[in-house]
Amino acid sequence: MDEKILKYASQADEIWHAGDIGSLKVADALQKIKPLRAVYGNIDDYIIQKEFPLNNRFFCEKVDVLITHIGGYPPKFNERTRNIIKQNPPKLFISGHSHILKVMRDKKLDILHMNPGACGIHGFHQVRTMLRFEIDGADIKNLEVIELGKRG
């Protein structure tokens, strides 16, 4: 666990992790400083899969949030996620997997999609990134990209 990650995570009200946790030590370090909402990713073993769900759906204030690891992007969500989203669109959809930071709106379904990229040292991403934002009632605002430096 990198001190830069902990520094920014400690400034949040909650930490949301979109999968590929890697080790329960990572989750434990995050949970020590703030409440953690997470999902497991494709690299996570059965121990992490027992601790965290495939999908995490909840309300944060008045914002319906859906987090999953492999979800695709608007308007081309993957098959599993597309069914969930079309039946009951969340206001905020967060996914990981690609290690590519991307924020975009699905105008047809009125969904804000966020992929925070990757903040770890493993993977093919070049720059380690996180996202920070505020939820105020029904509003998602003050989105900030946090760059933690090069992966290597």
N, C-alpha and C. Protein backbone atom coordinates (compact mmCIF):
# COMPACT_ATOMS: atom_id res chain seq x y z
N MET A 1 0.85 -1.19 0.00
CA MET A 1 0.00 0.00 0.00
C MET A 1 0.88 1.24 0.00
N ASP A 2 0.59 2.11 -0.89
CA ASP A 2 1.35 3.32 -1.13
C ASP A 2 0.83 4.44 -0.22
N GLU A 3 1.72 5.19 0.38
CA GLU A 3 1.33 6.29 1.27
C GLU A 3 0.54 7.37 0.54
N LYS A 4 0.83 7.57 -0.75
CA LYS A 4 0.07 8.57 -1.53
C LYS A 4 -1.40 8.18 -1.60
N ILE A 5 -1.67 6.89 -1.83
CA ILE A 5 -3.05 6.41 -1.88
C ILE A 5 -3.72 6.66 -0.54
N LEU A 6 -3.06 6.30 0.53
CA LEU A 6 -3.63 6.48 1.87
C LEU A 6 -3.87 7.95 2.19
N LYS A 7 -2.99 8.81 1.73
CA LYS A 7 -3.15 10.26 1.96
C LYS A 7 -4.46 10.75 1.35
N TYR A 8 -4.69 10.43 0.09
CA TYR A 8 -5.92 10.88 -0.58
C TYR A 8 -7.14 10.15 -0.04
N ALA A 9 -7.00 8.88 0.22
CA ALA A 9 -8.13 8.10 0.74
C ALA A 9 -8.58 8.63 2.10
N SER A 10 -7.65 9.08 2.91
CA SER A 10 -8.01 9.58 4.24
C SER A 10 -8.79 10.90 4.17
N GLN A 11 -8.73 11.58 3.03
CA GLN A 11 -9.46 12.84 2.86
C GLN A 11 -10.91 12.61 2.43
N ALA A 12 -11.27 11.38 2.10
CA ALA A 12 -12.61 11.07 1.61
C ALA A 12 -13.54 10.71 2.76
N ASP A 13 -14.83 10.80 2.51
CA ASP A 13 -15.81 10.30 3.48
C ASP A 13 -15.91 8.78 3.40
N GLU A 14 -15.85 8.26 2.17
CA GLU A 14 -15.87 6.82 1.91
C GLU A 14 -14.89 6.53 0.78
N ILE A 15 -14.42 5.28 0.74
CA ILE A 15 -13.54 4.82 -0.33
C ILE A 15 -14.33 3.81 -1.15
N TRP A 16 -14.35 4.01 -2.45
CA TRP A 16 -15.03 3.08 -3.35
C TRP A 16 -13.97 2.46 -4.25
N HIS A 17 -13.93 1.14 -4.30
CA HIS A 17 -12.92 0.41 -5.08
C HIS A 17 -13.61 -0.43 -6.13
N ALA A 18 -13.22 -0.26 -7.39
CA ALA A 18 -13.87 -0.94 -8.52
C ALA A 18 -13.20 -2.25 -8.91
N GLY A 19 -12.59 -2.93 -7.97
CA GLY A 19 -12.09 -4.27 -8.21
C GLY A 19 -10.62 -4.36 -8.56
N ASP A 20 -10.13 -5.61 -8.60
CA ASP A 20 -8.70 -5.92 -8.66
C ASP A 20 -8.01 -5.39 -7.41
N ILE A 21 -8.55 -5.80 -6.28
CA ILE A 21 -8.01 -5.39 -4.98
C ILE A 21 -6.64 -6.02 -4.77
N GLY A 22 -6.50 -7.28 -5.17
CA GLY A 22 -5.20 -7.94 -5.13
C GLY A 22 -4.91 -8.70 -3.85
N SER A 23 -5.23 -8.10 -2.72
CA SER A 23 -4.92 -8.72 -1.43
C SER A 23 -5.84 -8.12 -0.37
N LEU A 24 -6.23 -8.95 0.59
CA LEU A 24 -7.04 -8.41 1.69
C LEU A 24 -6.26 -7.39 2.52
N LYS A 25 -4.93 -7.42 2.42
CA LYS A 25 -4.12 -6.41 3.12
C LYS A 25 -4.43 -5.02 2.59
N VAL A 26 -4.70 -4.92 1.28
CA VAL A 26 -5.06 -3.63 0.68
C VAL A 26 -6.40 -3.18 1.24
N ALA A 27 -7.39 -4.07 1.22
CA ALA A 27 -8.72 -3.73 1.74
C ALA A 27 -8.64 -3.38 3.23
N ASP A 28 -7.87 -4.13 3.99
CA ASP A 28 -7.74 -3.87 5.42
C ASP A 28 -7.12 -2.49 5.68
N ALA A 29 -6.09 -2.14 4.91
CA ALA A 29 -5.44 -0.83 5.08
C ALA A 29 -6.42 0.30 4.79
N LEU A 30 -7.24 0.13 3.76
CA LEU A 30 -8.23 1.16 3.42
C LEU A 30 -9.33 1.24 4.47
N GLN A 31 -9.80 0.08 4.93
CA GLN A 31 -10.89 0.05 5.92
C GLN A 31 -10.47 0.62 7.26
N LYS A 32 -9.19 0.64 7.53
CA LYS A 32 -8.71 1.22 8.79
C LYS A 32 -8.89 2.73 8.82
N ILE A 33 -8.89 3.35 7.64
CA ILE A 33 -8.97 4.81 7.63
C ILE A 33 -10.35 5.36 7.30
N LYS A 34 -11.12 4.63 6.46
CA LYS A 34 -12.47 5.11 6.07
C LYS A 34 -13.34 3.90 5.71
N PRO A 35 -14.67 4.09 5.72
CA PRO A 35 -15.54 3.00 5.25
C PRO A 35 -15.22 2.67 3.79
N LEU A 36 -15.24 1.37 3.48
CA LEU A 36 -14.88 0.89 2.13
C LEU A 36 -16.07 0.19 1.49
N ARG A 37 -16.38 0.60 0.28
CA ARG A 37 -17.35 -0.09 -0.57
C ARG A 37 -16.54 -0.59 -1.76
N ALA A 38 -16.62 -1.89 -2.02
CA ALA A 38 -15.77 -2.46 -3.07
C ALA A 38 -16.46 -3.64 -3.74
N VAL A 39 -15.91 -4.01 -4.88
CA VAL A 39 -16.30 -5.21 -5.61
C VAL A 39 -15.02 -5.98 -5.93
N TYR A 40 -15.19 -7.26 -6.21
CA TYR A 40 -14.00 -8.01 -6.61
C TYR A 40 -13.78 -7.89 -8.11
N GLY A 41 -12.52 -8.05 -8.51
CA GLY A 41 -12.15 -7.99 -9.91
C GLY A 41 -11.65 -9.33 -10.41
N ASN A 42 -11.29 -9.37 -11.67
CA ASN A 42 -10.90 -10.64 -12.29
C ASN A 42 -9.57 -11.19 -11.78
N ILE A 43 -8.74 -10.38 -11.13
CA ILE A 43 -7.49 -10.93 -10.57
C ILE A 43 -7.67 -11.37 -9.12
N ASP A 44 -8.81 -11.08 -8.53
CA ASP A 44 -9.02 -11.34 -7.10
C ASP A 44 -9.36 -12.81 -6.85
N ASP A 45 -8.71 -13.38 -5.84
CA ASP A 45 -8.91 -14.79 -5.52
C ASP A 45 -10.20 -15.02 -4.75
N TYR A 46 -10.46 -16.29 -4.43
CA TYR A 46 -11.70 -16.66 -3.77
C TYR A 46 -11.86 -16.01 -2.39
N ILE A 47 -10.78 -15.70 -1.74
CA ILE A 47 -10.86 -15.06 -0.42
C ILE A 47 -11.47 -13.66 -0.55
N ILE A 48 -10.99 -12.91 -1.52
CA ILE A 48 -11.54 -11.57 -1.77
C ILE A 48 -12.96 -11.68 -2.30
N GLN A 49 -13.22 -12.68 -3.14
CA GLN A 49 -14.56 -12.87 -3.68
C GLN A 49 -15.57 -13.21 -2.60
N LYS A 50 -15.14 -13.83 -1.52
CA LYS A 50 -16.04 -14.11 -0.39
C LYS A 50 -16.31 -12.84 0.42
N GLU A 51 -15.37 -11.92 0.41
CA GLU A 51 -15.47 -10.68 1.19
C GLU A 51 -16.27 -9.58 0.48
N PHE A 52 -16.13 -9.52 -0.86
CA PHE A 52 -16.75 -8.45 -1.63
C PHE A 52 -17.60 -9.02 -2.75
N PRO A 53 -18.68 -8.31 -3.14
CA PRO A 53 -19.58 -8.81 -4.18
C PRO A 53 -19.07 -8.51 -5.60
N LEU A 54 -19.73 -9.13 -6.58
CA LEU A 54 -19.48 -8.84 -7.99
C LEU A 54 -20.01 -7.46 -8.34
N ASN A 55 -21.20 -7.13 -7.84
CA ASN A 55 -21.83 -5.82 -8.03
C ASN A 55 -22.12 -5.23 -6.67
N ASN A 56 -21.97 -3.93 -6.56
CA ASN A 56 -22.33 -3.23 -5.32
C ASN A 56 -23.26 -2.09 -5.72
N ARG A 57 -24.50 -2.19 -5.32
CA ARG A 57 -25.49 -1.16 -5.66
C ARG A 57 -26.01 -0.56 -4.37
N PHE A 58 -26.02 0.75 -4.30
CA PHE A 58 -26.42 1.44 -3.08
C PHE A 58 -26.79 2.88 -3.42
N PHE A 59 -27.39 3.54 -2.46
CA PHE A 59 -27.63 4.98 -2.58
C PHE A 59 -26.62 5.71 -1.72
N CYS A 60 -26.04 6.76 -2.29
CA CYS A 60 -25.23 7.70 -1.54
C CYS A 60 -26.02 9.01 -1.61
N GLU A 61 -26.57 9.38 -0.49
CA GLU A 61 -27.53 10.47 -0.44
C GLU A 61 -28.65 10.16 -1.43
N LYS A 62 -28.86 10.97 -2.47
CA LYS A 62 -29.94 10.70 -3.44
C LYS A 62 -29.43 10.15 -4.76
N VAL A 63 -28.18 9.69 -4.77
CA VAL A 63 -27.58 9.17 -6.00
C VAL A 63 -27.55 7.64 -5.95
N ASP A 64 -28.20 7.02 -6.94
CA ASP A 64 -28.20 5.58 -7.10
C ASP A 64 -26.87 5.20 -7.77
N VAL A 65 -26.07 4.39 -7.07
CA VAL A 65 -24.72 4.05 -7.52
C VAL A 65 -24.63 2.55 -7.80
N LEU A 66 -23.99 2.21 -8.90
CA LEU A 66 -23.68 0.81 -9.22
C LEU A 66 -22.19 0.72 -9.50
N ILE A 67 -21.53 -0.17 -8.77
CA ILE A 67 -20.10 -0.42 -8.99
C ILE A 67 -19.93 -1.89 -9.37
N THR A 68 -19.17 -2.13 -10.42
CA THR A 68 -18.77 -3.48 -10.81
C THR A 68 -17.39 -3.38 -11.45
N HIS A 69 -16.71 -4.50 -11.57
CA HIS A 69 -15.35 -4.42 -12.12
C HIS A 69 -15.36 -4.34 -13.65
N ILE A 70 -15.96 -5.31 -14.29
CA ILE A 70 -15.98 -5.35 -15.75
C ILE A 70 -17.38 -4.94 -16.20
N GLY A 71 -17.49 -3.74 -16.78
CA GLY A 71 -18.80 -3.22 -17.14
C GLY A 71 -18.93 -2.68 -18.54
N GLY A 72 -17.83 -2.40 -19.18
CA GLY A 72 -17.90 -1.74 -20.48
C GLY A 72 -18.10 -0.25 -20.32
N TYR A 73 -18.39 0.40 -21.45
CA TYR A 73 -18.57 1.85 -21.47
C TYR A 73 -19.85 2.21 -22.20
N PRO A 74 -20.44 3.36 -21.88
CA PRO A 74 -21.62 3.79 -22.62
C PRO A 74 -21.28 3.98 -24.09
N PRO A 75 -22.11 3.65 -24.99
CA PRO A 75 -23.36 2.90 -24.81
C PRO A 75 -23.14 1.40 -24.92
N LYS A 76 -21.86 0.95 -24.95
CA LYS A 76 -21.55 -0.46 -25.16
C LYS A 76 -21.16 -1.13 -23.84
N PHE A 77 -22.13 -1.22 -22.94
CA PHE A 77 -21.90 -1.95 -21.70
C PHE A 77 -21.79 -3.44 -22.04
N ASN A 78 -21.08 -4.20 -21.21
CA ASN A 78 -21.01 -5.63 -21.50
C ASN A 78 -22.38 -6.27 -21.24
N GLU A 79 -22.56 -7.49 -21.71
CA GLU A 79 -23.88 -8.12 -21.69
C GLU A 79 -24.47 -8.20 -20.28
N ARG A 80 -23.69 -8.64 -19.32
CA ARG A 80 -24.18 -8.79 -17.94
C ARG A 80 -24.61 -7.43 -17.37
N THR A 81 -23.80 -6.44 -17.57
CA THR A 81 -24.08 -5.12 -17.02
C THR A 81 -25.20 -4.41 -17.77
N ARG A 82 -25.24 -4.59 -19.07
CA ARG A 82 -26.26 -3.95 -19.90
C ARG A 82 -27.67 -4.31 -19.41
N ASN A 83 -27.87 -5.58 -19.07
CA ASN A 83 -29.19 -6.01 -18.58
C ASN A 83 -29.56 -5.32 -17.27
N ILE A 84 -28.62 -5.23 -16.37
CA ILE A 84 -28.86 -4.57 -15.07
C ILE A 84 -29.18 -3.09 -15.30
N ILE A 85 -28.38 -2.45 -16.13
CA ILE A 85 -28.51 -1.01 -16.35
C ILE A 85 -29.81 -0.66 -17.08
N LYS A 86 -30.15 -1.43 -18.10
CA LYS A 86 -31.36 -1.11 -18.86
C LYS A 86 -32.64 -1.34 -18.05
N GLN A 87 -32.64 -2.34 -17.18
CA GLN A 87 -33.81 -2.60 -16.35
C GLN A 87 -34.03 -1.50 -15.31
N ASN A 88 -32.93 -0.99 -14.76
CA ASN A 88 -33.03 0.01 -13.70
C ASN A 88 -31.75 0.86 -13.73
N PRO A 89 -31.68 1.88 -14.58
CA PRO A 89 -30.44 2.66 -14.72
C PRO A 89 -30.05 3.37 -13.42
N PRO A 90 -28.79 3.20 -13.00
CA PRO A 90 -28.30 4.00 -11.87
C PRO A 90 -27.99 5.41 -12.35
N LYS A 91 -27.79 6.32 -11.44
CA LYS A 91 -27.36 7.66 -11.83
C LYS A 91 -25.85 7.69 -12.05
N LEU A 92 -25.13 6.88 -11.27
CA LEU A 92 -23.68 6.81 -11.36
C LEU A 92 -23.26 5.36 -11.50
N PHE A 93 -22.51 5.06 -12.56
CA PHE A 93 -22.02 3.71 -12.81
C PHE A 93 -20.50 3.76 -12.81
N ILE A 94 -19.89 2.99 -11.92
CA ILE A 94 -18.43 2.96 -11.79
C ILE A 94 -17.94 1.56 -12.11
N SER A 95 -16.96 1.48 -13.00
CA SER A 95 -16.33 0.20 -13.30
C SER A 95 -14.83 0.39 -13.45
N GLY A 96 -14.11 -0.71 -13.41
CA GLY A 96 -12.66 -0.65 -13.53
C GLY A 96 -12.21 -1.46 -14.73
N HIS A 97 -11.33 -2.40 -14.49
CA HIS A 97 -10.84 -3.42 -15.42
C HIS A 97 -9.89 -2.90 -16.49
N SER A 98 -10.23 -1.87 -17.22
CA SER A 98 -9.42 -1.45 -18.37
C SER A 98 -8.12 -0.75 -17.96
N HIS A 99 -8.04 -0.25 -16.74
CA HIS A 99 -6.91 0.56 -16.26
C HIS A 99 -6.82 1.89 -17.01
N ILE A 100 -7.88 2.24 -17.73
CA ILE A 100 -7.91 3.50 -18.49
C ILE A 100 -8.90 4.45 -17.83
N LEU A 101 -8.40 5.57 -17.35
CA LEU A 101 -9.26 6.56 -16.73
C LEU A 101 -10.20 7.13 -17.79
N LYS A 102 -11.48 7.09 -17.48
CA LYS A 102 -12.47 7.61 -18.43
C LYS A 102 -13.71 8.02 -17.66
N VAL A 103 -14.22 9.20 -17.96
CA VAL A 103 -15.49 9.68 -17.40
C VAL A 103 -16.33 10.12 -18.58
N MET A 104 -17.53 9.58 -18.67
CA MET A 104 -18.40 9.92 -19.79
C MET A 104 -19.86 9.72 -19.40
N ARG A 105 -20.72 10.40 -20.12
CA ARG A 105 -22.15 10.33 -19.85
C ARG A 105 -22.83 9.49 -20.93
N ASP A 106 -23.74 8.64 -20.49
CA ASP A 106 -24.66 7.95 -21.40
C ASP A 106 -25.89 8.84 -21.46
N LYS A 107 -25.99 9.64 -22.51
CA LYS A 107 -27.07 10.63 -22.61
C LYS A 107 -28.44 9.97 -22.75
N LYS A 108 -28.48 8.84 -23.42
CA LYS A 108 -29.75 8.15 -23.64
C LYS A 108 -30.34 7.65 -22.31
N LEU A 109 -29.50 7.08 -21.45
CA LEU A 109 -29.97 6.53 -20.18
C LEU A 109 -29.76 7.49 -19.00
N ASP A 110 -29.13 8.65 -19.26
CA ASP A 110 -28.82 9.64 -18.23
C ASP A 110 -28.00 9.02 -17.09
N ILE A 111 -26.90 8.39 -17.47
CA ILE A 111 -25.99 7.76 -16.51
C ILE A 111 -24.63 8.42 -16.63
N LEU A 112 -24.02 8.75 -15.51
CA LEU A 112 -22.63 9.19 -15.50
C LEU A 112 -21.78 7.96 -15.25
N HIS A 113 -20.86 7.69 -16.17
CA HIS A 113 -19.97 6.53 -16.02
C HIS A 113 -18.57 7.02 -15.67
N MET A 114 -17.97 6.36 -14.68
CA MET A 114 -16.61 6.67 -14.28
C MET A 114 -15.78 5.40 -14.22
N ASN A 115 -14.59 5.47 -14.78
CA ASN A 115 -13.57 4.45 -14.58
C ASN A 115 -12.36 5.20 -14.03
N PRO A 116 -11.97 4.89 -12.78
CA PRO A 116 -10.89 5.67 -12.16
C PRO A 116 -9.49 5.35 -12.68
N GLY A 117 -9.39 4.41 -13.63
CA GLY A 117 -8.06 3.99 -14.07
C GLY A 117 -7.52 2.98 -13.08
N ALA A 118 -6.28 3.10 -12.71
CA ALA A 118 -5.67 2.17 -11.75
C ALA A 118 -4.64 2.91 -10.92
N CYS A 119 -4.63 2.66 -9.63
CA CYS A 119 -3.67 3.35 -8.77
C CYS A 119 -2.57 2.42 -8.25
N GLY A 120 -2.65 1.14 -8.63
CA GLY A 120 -1.65 0.18 -8.17
C GLY A 120 -0.39 0.19 -9.01
N ILE A 121 0.54 -0.65 -8.61
CA ILE A 121 1.82 -0.73 -9.32
C ILE A 121 1.85 -1.86 -10.35
N HIS A 122 0.81 -2.70 -10.37
CA HIS A 122 0.75 -3.80 -11.34
C HIS A 122 -0.24 -3.46 -12.44
N GLY A 123 0.03 -3.95 -13.64
CA GLY A 123 -0.87 -3.69 -14.76
C GLY A 123 -0.13 -2.99 -15.88
N PHE A 124 -0.87 -2.64 -16.90
CA PHE A 124 -0.26 -2.05 -18.09
C PHE A 124 -0.42 -0.54 -18.16
N HIS A 125 -1.08 0.07 -17.17
CA HIS A 125 -1.24 1.52 -17.17
C HIS A 125 0.12 2.17 -16.92
N GLN A 126 0.27 3.37 -17.44
CA GLN A 126 1.54 4.09 -17.29
C GLN A 126 1.51 5.04 -16.08
N VAL A 127 0.39 5.72 -15.90
CA VAL A 127 0.24 6.67 -14.80
C VAL A 127 -0.83 6.15 -13.85
N ARG A 128 -0.53 6.17 -12.56
CA ARG A 128 -1.46 5.69 -11.55
C ARG A 128 -2.47 6.80 -11.24
N THR A 129 -3.75 6.47 -11.29
CA THR A 129 -4.79 7.48 -11.13
C THR A 129 -5.89 7.04 -10.16
N MET A 130 -6.54 8.04 -9.61
CA MET A 130 -7.72 7.88 -8.77
C MET A 130 -8.68 9.01 -9.14
N LEU A 131 -9.95 8.86 -8.76
CA LEU A 131 -10.92 9.94 -8.92
C LEU A 131 -11.45 10.34 -7.55
N ARG A 132 -11.69 11.63 -7.42
CA ARG A 132 -12.33 12.14 -6.20
C ARG A 132 -13.46 13.06 -6.65
N PHE A 133 -14.61 12.94 -5.98
CA PHE A 133 -15.76 13.77 -6.32
C PHE A 133 -16.65 13.88 -5.10
N GLU A 134 -17.60 14.78 -5.20
CA GLU A 134 -18.55 15.00 -4.10
C GLU A 134 -19.95 14.62 -4.56
N ILE A 135 -20.70 14.09 -3.63
CA ILE A 135 -22.12 13.88 -3.84
C ILE A 135 -22.84 14.75 -2.83
N ASP A 136 -23.70 15.62 -3.36
CA ASP A 136 -24.45 16.56 -2.54
C ASP A 136 -25.91 16.40 -2.91
N GLY A 137 -26.66 15.65 -2.13
CA GLY A 137 -28.04 15.36 -2.47
C GLY A 137 -28.10 14.51 -3.71
N ALA A 138 -28.66 15.06 -4.79
CA ALA A 138 -28.74 14.35 -6.07
C ALA A 138 -27.64 14.78 -7.04
N ASP A 139 -26.74 15.65 -6.60
CA ASP A 139 -25.71 16.20 -7.49
C ASP A 139 -24.36 15.50 -7.29
N ILE A 140 -23.71 15.22 -8.41
CA ILE A 140 -22.34 14.71 -8.43
C ILE A 140 -21.49 15.87 -8.93
N LYS A 141 -20.56 16.35 -8.12
CA LYS A 141 -19.84 17.57 -8.51
C LYS A 141 -18.39 17.52 -8.04
N ASN A 142 -17.65 18.52 -8.48
CA ASN A 142 -16.24 18.71 -8.10
C ASN A 142 -15.38 17.48 -8.37
N LEU A 143 -15.57 16.90 -9.55
CA LEU A 143 -14.78 15.74 -9.95
C LEU A 143 -13.33 16.16 -10.15
N GLU A 144 -12.43 15.36 -9.59
CA GLU A 144 -11.01 15.66 -9.66
C GLU A 144 -10.23 14.39 -10.03
N VAL A 145 -9.34 14.49 -10.99
CA VAL A 145 -8.45 13.39 -11.33
C VAL A 145 -7.21 13.56 -10.47
N ILE A 146 -6.84 12.49 -9.78
CA ILE A 146 -5.64 12.50 -8.96
C ILE A 146 -4.61 11.60 -9.64
N GLU A 147 -3.47 12.19 -9.99
CA GLU A 147 -2.38 11.42 -10.58
C GLU A 147 -1.35 11.14 -9.50
N LEU A 148 -1.00 9.86 -9.34
CA LEU A 148 -0.09 9.43 -8.29
C LEU A 148 1.33 9.18 -8.81
N GLY A 149 1.58 9.50 -10.06
CA GLY A 149 2.89 9.30 -10.64
C GLY A 149 2.95 8.07 -11.53
N LYS A 150 4.12 7.80 -12.04
CA LYS A 150 4.33 6.66 -12.94
C LYS A 150 4.16 5.35 -12.19
N ARG A 151 3.73 4.34 -12.92
CA ARG A 151 3.51 3.02 -12.34
C ARG A 151 4.84 2.40 -11.88
N GLY A 152 5.86 2.57 -12.65
CA GLY A 152 7.15 1.91 -12.37
C GLY A 152 7.90 2.58 -11.34
